[in-house]
Amino acid sequence: METQLSRQLAADAISDAAGTDTAVRTPRITFYRMIPGARMPQRADRSAAGSLPTRAFRYCEPVVTASAFGYYVFPPTDFTVIWDGHEISWTYEGAGDWLPLTHAQFPHFADHFDAHVPDEIRGYSPPFVSALQEPGLMQMWSGLIARTAPGWSLLVRPCANLPRGGGFEMFEGIIETDRWFGPLITNMRLTKTNVPIEFSRDFPVLQVQPLPREALDDAALNDFECVPDLESLRPEDWDDFYDTVVRPSAMTARPRGEYAAAARRRRKSDGGSE
């Protein structure tokens, strides 16, 4: 009887612990929409929003895996900028004309912000677009704040494998979003002068990817070696090269997408999904 009671108590304790874990569990990443009507992020797409060639989508697993890694983030509205080589101007629907850009609030957002925040935060609504000190550099706020689970950061970068409109280049950055609860912004360099550069709320402008912070530690990044020449490869390295390159090339009827099929099988066996 004592053994059965002990087992029951242990089972109840495990059940309670599981319930507690479920109750306190937080998502790997949470997006907070600050600007009303801003488009919410969405999972990045294995087809790069339908832009990949069919053959790449079917057979090139590295490309589709990279394309699907993370979340698309969109501008909160349509707007246009122009850079004359010295100054940046911008406009949007309803603006009526080009406006010189220094630090600009999202239209009508400052009043909305002040009406919904605690007293001590009023007056601190983040700017939507800003011209930076360096010529041709601009910053844009997505209208979002992101928070990641403890130990995770966000890589903010251009959209992987998605064709980008001309006229600007994105900077990449890594934010400790488990510790820093502020605007999810991106910096960009304008690359054309005297040409209107358009941004659409229907087209993602950046991709954010969660990274475990331990992968960014110097100890992890310094844990590498370089093999200097062919003579330094080991027999097992040549065995792997044979299996990866030589054997498939020597097959008279080589199946297409062999790597992709193997990678998908491994992902399913590891509990992942397509």
Protein backbone atom coordinates (compact mmCIF):
# COMPACT_ATOMS: atom_id res chain seq x y z
CA MET A 1 0.00 0.00 0.00
CA GLU A 2 2.80 2.38 0.86
CA THR A 3 4.45 1.68 -2.47
CA GLN A 4 1.25 2.38 -4.38
CA LEU A 5 0.69 5.56 -2.38
CA SER A 6 4.24 6.70 -3.05
CA ARG A 7 3.82 6.04 -6.73
CA GLN A 8 0.55 7.95 -6.82
CA LEU A 9 2.08 10.92 -5.00
CA ALA A 10 5.00 10.90 -7.42
CA ALA A 11 2.64 10.76 -10.37
CA ASP A 12 0.61 13.66 -8.97
CA ALA A 13 3.77 15.68 -8.47
CA ILE A 14 4.84 15.08 -12.08
CA SER A 15 1.38 16.04 -13.29
CA ASP A 16 1.39 19.23 -11.23
CA ALA A 17 4.86 20.11 -12.50
CA ALA A 18 3.77 19.57 -16.07
CA GLY A 19 0.73 21.78 -15.51
CA THR A 20 2.93 24.46 -14.00
CA ASP A 21 5.34 24.31 -16.95
CA THR A 22 2.42 24.68 -19.34
CA ALA A 23 1.05 27.62 -17.39
CA VAL A 24 4.32 29.56 -17.29
CA ARG A 25 5.63 28.61 -20.72
CA THR A 26 6.26 31.57 -23.00
CA PRO A 27 6.64 31.41 -26.79
CA ARG A 28 10.10 31.45 -28.30
CA ILE A 29 9.22 34.88 -29.69
CA THR A 30 6.33 37.28 -29.10
CA PHE A 31 5.54 40.23 -31.36
CA TYR A 32 3.72 43.25 -29.91
CA ARG A 33 1.94 45.51 -32.38
CA MET A 34 2.23 49.15 -31.31
CA ILE A 35 1.02 50.94 -34.45
CA PRO A 36 -2.67 50.17 -35.11
CA GLY A 37 -3.24 48.45 -38.41
CA ALA A 38 0.41 47.52 -38.93
CA ARG A 39 0.70 44.16 -40.59
CA MET A 40 1.67 41.41 -38.17
CA PRO A 41 4.73 39.26 -38.95
CA GLN A 42 4.29 35.88 -40.60
CA ARG A 43 6.35 32.75 -40.87
CA ALA A 44 8.89 32.97 -43.64
CA ASP A 45 8.06 30.84 -46.64
CA ARG A 46 9.99 27.87 -48.04
CA SER A 47 9.32 29.17 -51.54
CA ALA A 48 10.54 32.69 -50.64
CA ALA A 49 7.00 34.01 -51.08
CA GLY A 50 6.66 32.08 -54.34
CA SER A 51 9.72 33.65 -55.94
CA LEU A 52 11.99 30.57 -56.04
CA PRO A 53 12.29 28.66 -59.31
CA THR A 54 10.32 25.42 -59.20
CA ARG A 55 13.47 23.30 -59.50
CA ALA A 56 15.11 25.06 -56.56
CA PHE A 57 11.96 24.68 -54.46
CA ARG A 58 11.74 20.94 -55.18
CA TYR A 59 15.36 19.90 -55.01
CA CYS A 60 17.53 22.51 -53.26
CA GLU A 61 16.91 21.91 -49.58
CA PRO A 62 19.56 24.40 -48.34
CA VAL A 63 17.79 27.21 -50.20
CA VAL A 64 14.27 26.39 -49.00
CA THR A 65 15.45 25.79 -45.44
CA ALA A 66 17.17 29.17 -45.34
CA SER A 67 14.12 30.81 -46.93
CA ALA A 68 11.80 29.45 -44.22
CA PHE A 69 14.05 30.28 -41.28
CA GLY A 70 12.40 33.06 -39.32
CA TYR A 71 9.59 35.56 -39.83
CA TYR A 72 8.78 38.20 -42.41
CA VAL A 73 8.33 41.74 -41.07
CA PHE A 74 6.51 44.37 -43.12
CA PRO A 75 6.46 48.18 -43.18
CA PRO A 76 3.43 49.44 -41.23
CA THR A 77 2.26 51.51 -44.21
CA ASP A 78 3.12 52.38 -47.79
CA PHE A 79 5.60 55.24 -48.08
CA THR A 80 8.23 56.61 -50.44
CA VAL A 81 11.61 58.23 -49.88
CA ILE A 82 13.97 60.09 -52.17
CA TRP A 83 17.61 61.02 -51.60
CA ASP A 84 19.28 63.81 -53.53
CA GLY A 85 22.77 62.88 -52.36
CA HIS A 86 22.57 65.21 -49.38
CA GLU A 87 19.07 65.22 -47.88
CA ILE A 88 16.31 62.63 -47.64
CA SER A 89 12.64 63.47 -48.20
CA TRP A 90 9.65 61.24 -47.72
CA THR A 91 5.94 61.12 -48.45
CA TYR A 92 2.93 58.89 -47.87
CA GLU A 93 -0.72 58.81 -48.86
CA GLY A 94 -2.36 61.92 -47.46
CA ALA A 95 0.87 63.83 -46.94
CA GLY A 96 0.16 65.98 -49.96
CA ASP A 97 3.81 66.72 -50.75
CA TRP A 98 7.39 65.67 -50.10
CA LEU A 99 8.48 66.27 -46.51
CA PRO A 100 12.08 66.75 -45.36
CA LEU A 101 13.11 63.79 -43.22
CA THR A 102 14.78 64.18 -39.86
CA HIS A 103 12.78 62.20 -37.29
CA ALA A 104 9.18 61.56 -38.35
CA GLN A 105 6.36 60.04 -36.34
CA PHE A 106 3.96 57.59 -37.94
CA PRO A 107 0.94 59.64 -39.05
CA HIS A 108 -1.37 60.35 -36.08
CA PHE A 109 0.43 57.80 -33.90
CA ALA A 110 1.84 60.12 -31.22
CA ASP A 111 -1.62 61.08 -29.93
CA HIS A 112 -2.77 57.46 -30.02
CA PHE A 113 0.34 56.41 -28.11
CA ASP A 114 -0.09 59.05 -25.41
CA ALA A 115 -3.74 58.10 -24.95
CA HIS A 116 -2.92 54.46 -24.20
CA VAL A 117 0.29 54.44 -22.17
CA PRO A 118 1.09 55.15 -18.50
CA ASP A 119 1.63 58.79 -17.59
CA GLU A 120 5.41 58.50 -17.28
CA ILE A 121 5.71 57.12 -20.83
CA ARG A 122 3.68 59.81 -22.61
CA GLY A 123 5.70 61.80 -25.09
CA TYR A 124 8.08 58.94 -25.83
CA SER A 125 6.45 57.40 -28.89
CA PRO A 126 9.20 56.00 -31.15
CA PRO A 127 9.79 57.70 -34.50
CA PHE A 128 8.67 55.83 -37.59
CA VAL A 129 11.42 56.88 -40.02
CA SER A 130 14.59 58.83 -39.33
CA ALA A 131 17.47 60.14 -41.40
CA LEU A 132 20.74 59.19 -39.72
CA GLN A 133 23.80 61.41 -39.50
CA GLU A 134 25.66 59.63 -42.27
CA PRO A 135 24.57 60.62 -45.81
CA GLY A 136 22.00 58.29 -47.34
CA LEU A 137 21.40 56.25 -44.17
CA MET A 138 17.88 55.81 -42.86
CA GLN A 139 16.17 53.99 -40.00
CA MET A 140 12.66 52.52 -40.11
CA TRP A 141 10.49 51.20 -37.30
CA SER A 142 8.30 48.21 -38.10
CA GLY A 143 5.64 49.35 -35.63
CA LEU A 144 6.46 46.29 -33.51
CA ILE A 145 8.32 45.30 -30.38
CA ALA A 146 9.69 41.76 -30.13
CA ARG A 147 10.44 39.75 -27.02
CA THR A 148 12.26 36.42 -27.08
CA ALA A 149 12.52 33.67 -24.48
CA PRO A 150 15.48 33.85 -22.07
CA GLY A 151 18.77 33.07 -23.77
CA TRP A 152 17.52 33.90 -27.29
CA SER A 153 18.35 36.86 -29.54
CA LEU A 154 16.99 38.05 -32.88
CA LEU A 155 18.99 38.36 -36.06
CA VAL A 156 17.45 41.21 -38.08
CA ARG A 157 18.43 40.92 -41.74
CA PRO A 158 17.19 41.22 -45.33
CA CYS A 159 14.72 38.58 -46.45
CA ALA A 160 16.52 35.38 -47.38
CA ASN A 161 16.39 34.56 -51.11
CA LEU A 162 13.57 37.04 -51.70
CA PRO A 163 14.21 39.47 -54.58
CA ARG A 164 14.56 42.98 -53.19
CA GLY A 165 13.53 46.20 -54.79
CA GLY A 166 16.36 48.41 -55.93
CA GLY A 167 17.42 51.60 -54.27
CA PHE A 168 18.43 50.45 -50.81
CA GLU A 169 20.48 47.90 -48.90
CA MET A 170 19.65 46.60 -45.44
CA PHE A 171 22.08 46.39 -42.57
CA GLU A 172 22.00 43.28 -40.40
CA GLY A 173 21.94 43.33 -36.63
CA ILE A 174 21.55 40.98 -33.67
CA ILE A 175 19.40 42.22 -30.77
CA GLU A 176 19.24 40.68 -27.28
CA THR A 177 15.46 40.80 -27.35
CA ASP A 178 15.12 38.79 -24.15
CA ARG A 179 16.64 41.77 -22.32
CA TRP A 180 15.87 44.77 -24.55
CA PHE A 181 12.17 45.64 -24.92
CA GLY A 182 12.22 48.39 -27.49
CA PRO A 183 11.19 49.15 -31.08
CA LEU A 184 12.03 46.51 -33.69
CA ILE A 185 13.90 48.71 -36.15
CA THR A 186 16.11 48.29 -39.18
CA ASN A 187 18.78 50.51 -40.71
CA MET A 188 19.31 50.83 -44.42
CA ARG A 189 21.57 52.55 -46.92
CA LEU A 190 19.92 54.31 -49.86
CA THR A 191 21.82 53.52 -53.03
CA LYS A 192 20.09 55.65 -55.67
CA THR A 193 19.79 59.40 -55.87
CA ASN A 194 16.90 61.44 -57.25
CA VAL A 195 14.79 58.32 -57.73
CA PRO A 196 11.66 57.61 -55.62
CA ILE A 197 12.19 54.46 -53.52
CA GLU A 198 8.92 52.82 -52.56
CA PHE A 199 8.10 50.63 -49.55
CA SER A 200 4.90 48.60 -49.47
CA ARG A 201 3.09 47.20 -46.45
CA ASP A 202 2.28 44.14 -48.60
CA PHE A 203 5.93 43.24 -49.17
CA PRO A 204 8.28 42.20 -46.34
CA VAL A 205 11.21 44.50 -45.80
CA LEU A 206 13.16 42.31 -43.40
CA GLN A 207 13.38 38.86 -41.88
CA VAL A 208 13.99 38.17 -38.19
CA GLN A 209 15.51 34.88 -37.06
CA PRO A 210 15.76 33.64 -33.46
CA LEU A 211 19.24 32.55 -32.40
CA PRO A 212 20.37 30.89 -29.15
CA ARG A 213 22.79 33.33 -27.57
CA GLU A 214 25.25 30.56 -26.76
CA ALA A 215 25.88 30.29 -30.51
CA LEU A 216 27.18 33.88 -30.42
CA ASP A 217 29.65 33.40 -27.57
CA ASP A 218 33.30 33.95 -28.43
CA ALA A 219 34.12 30.52 -27.04
CA ALA A 220 31.74 28.92 -29.53
CA LEU A 221 32.84 31.08 -32.46
CA ASN A 222 36.54 30.52 -31.69
CA ASP A 223 36.05 26.75 -31.63
CA PHE A 224 37.15 26.09 -35.20
CA GLU A 225 40.09 24.82 -37.19
CA CYS A 226 41.31 25.09 -40.78
CA VAL A 227 42.69 22.16 -42.78
CA PRO A 228 45.38 23.73 -45.01
CA ASP A 229 45.71 21.32 -47.94
CA LEU A 230 44.55 18.07 -49.58
CA GLU A 231 47.30 16.05 -47.92
CA SER A 232 45.87 16.90 -44.51
CA LEU A 233 42.48 15.30 -45.10
CA ARG A 234 41.92 12.04 -43.21
CA PRO A 235 40.76 8.77 -44.80
CA GLU A 236 37.33 9.21 -43.22
CA ASP A 237 37.10 12.67 -44.82
CA TRP A 238 37.71 11.12 -48.25
CA ASP A 239 35.10 8.46 -47.48
CA ASP A 240 32.55 11.20 -46.76
CA PHE A 241 33.56 13.09 -49.91
CA TYR A 242 33.11 9.90 -51.94
CA ASP A 243 29.64 9.29 -50.53
CA THR A 244 28.61 12.91 -51.01
CA VAL A 245 30.11 13.75 -54.42
CA VAL A 246 31.62 10.79 -56.25
CA ARG A 247 29.03 8.07 -55.71
CA PRO A 248 26.02 10.18 -56.82
CA SER A 249 27.96 11.51 -59.83
CA ALA A 250 28.89 7.98 -60.91
CA MET A 251 25.30 6.71 -60.82
CA THR A 252 23.76 6.12 -64.23
CA ALA A 253 20.29 7.05 -62.96
CA ARG A 254 20.91 9.53 -60.18
CA PRO A 255 17.70 10.43 -58.33
CA ARG A 256 16.93 14.12 -58.24
CA GLY A 257 16.84 15.86 -54.90
CA GLU A 258 18.66 13.10 -53.02
CA TYR A 259 20.01 15.53 -50.43
CA ALA A 260 16.60 17.20 -50.05
CA ALA A 261 14.85 13.86 -49.53
CA ALA A 262 17.40 12.75 -46.93
CA ALA A 263 17.20 16.07 -45.09
CA ARG A 264 13.41 15.90 -44.97
CA ARG A 265 13.51 12.34 -43.64
CA ARG A 266 15.92 13.42 -40.92
CA ARG A 267 13.71 16.36 -40.02
CA LYS A 268 10.67 14.11 -39.69
CA SER A 269 12.56 11.58 -37.60
CA ASP A 270 13.68 14.41 -35.31
CA GLY A 271 10.08 15.48 -34.81
CA GLY A 272 10.14 18.44 -37.17
CA SER A 273 7.68 19.36 -39.88
CA GLU A 274 7.77 20.35 -43.53
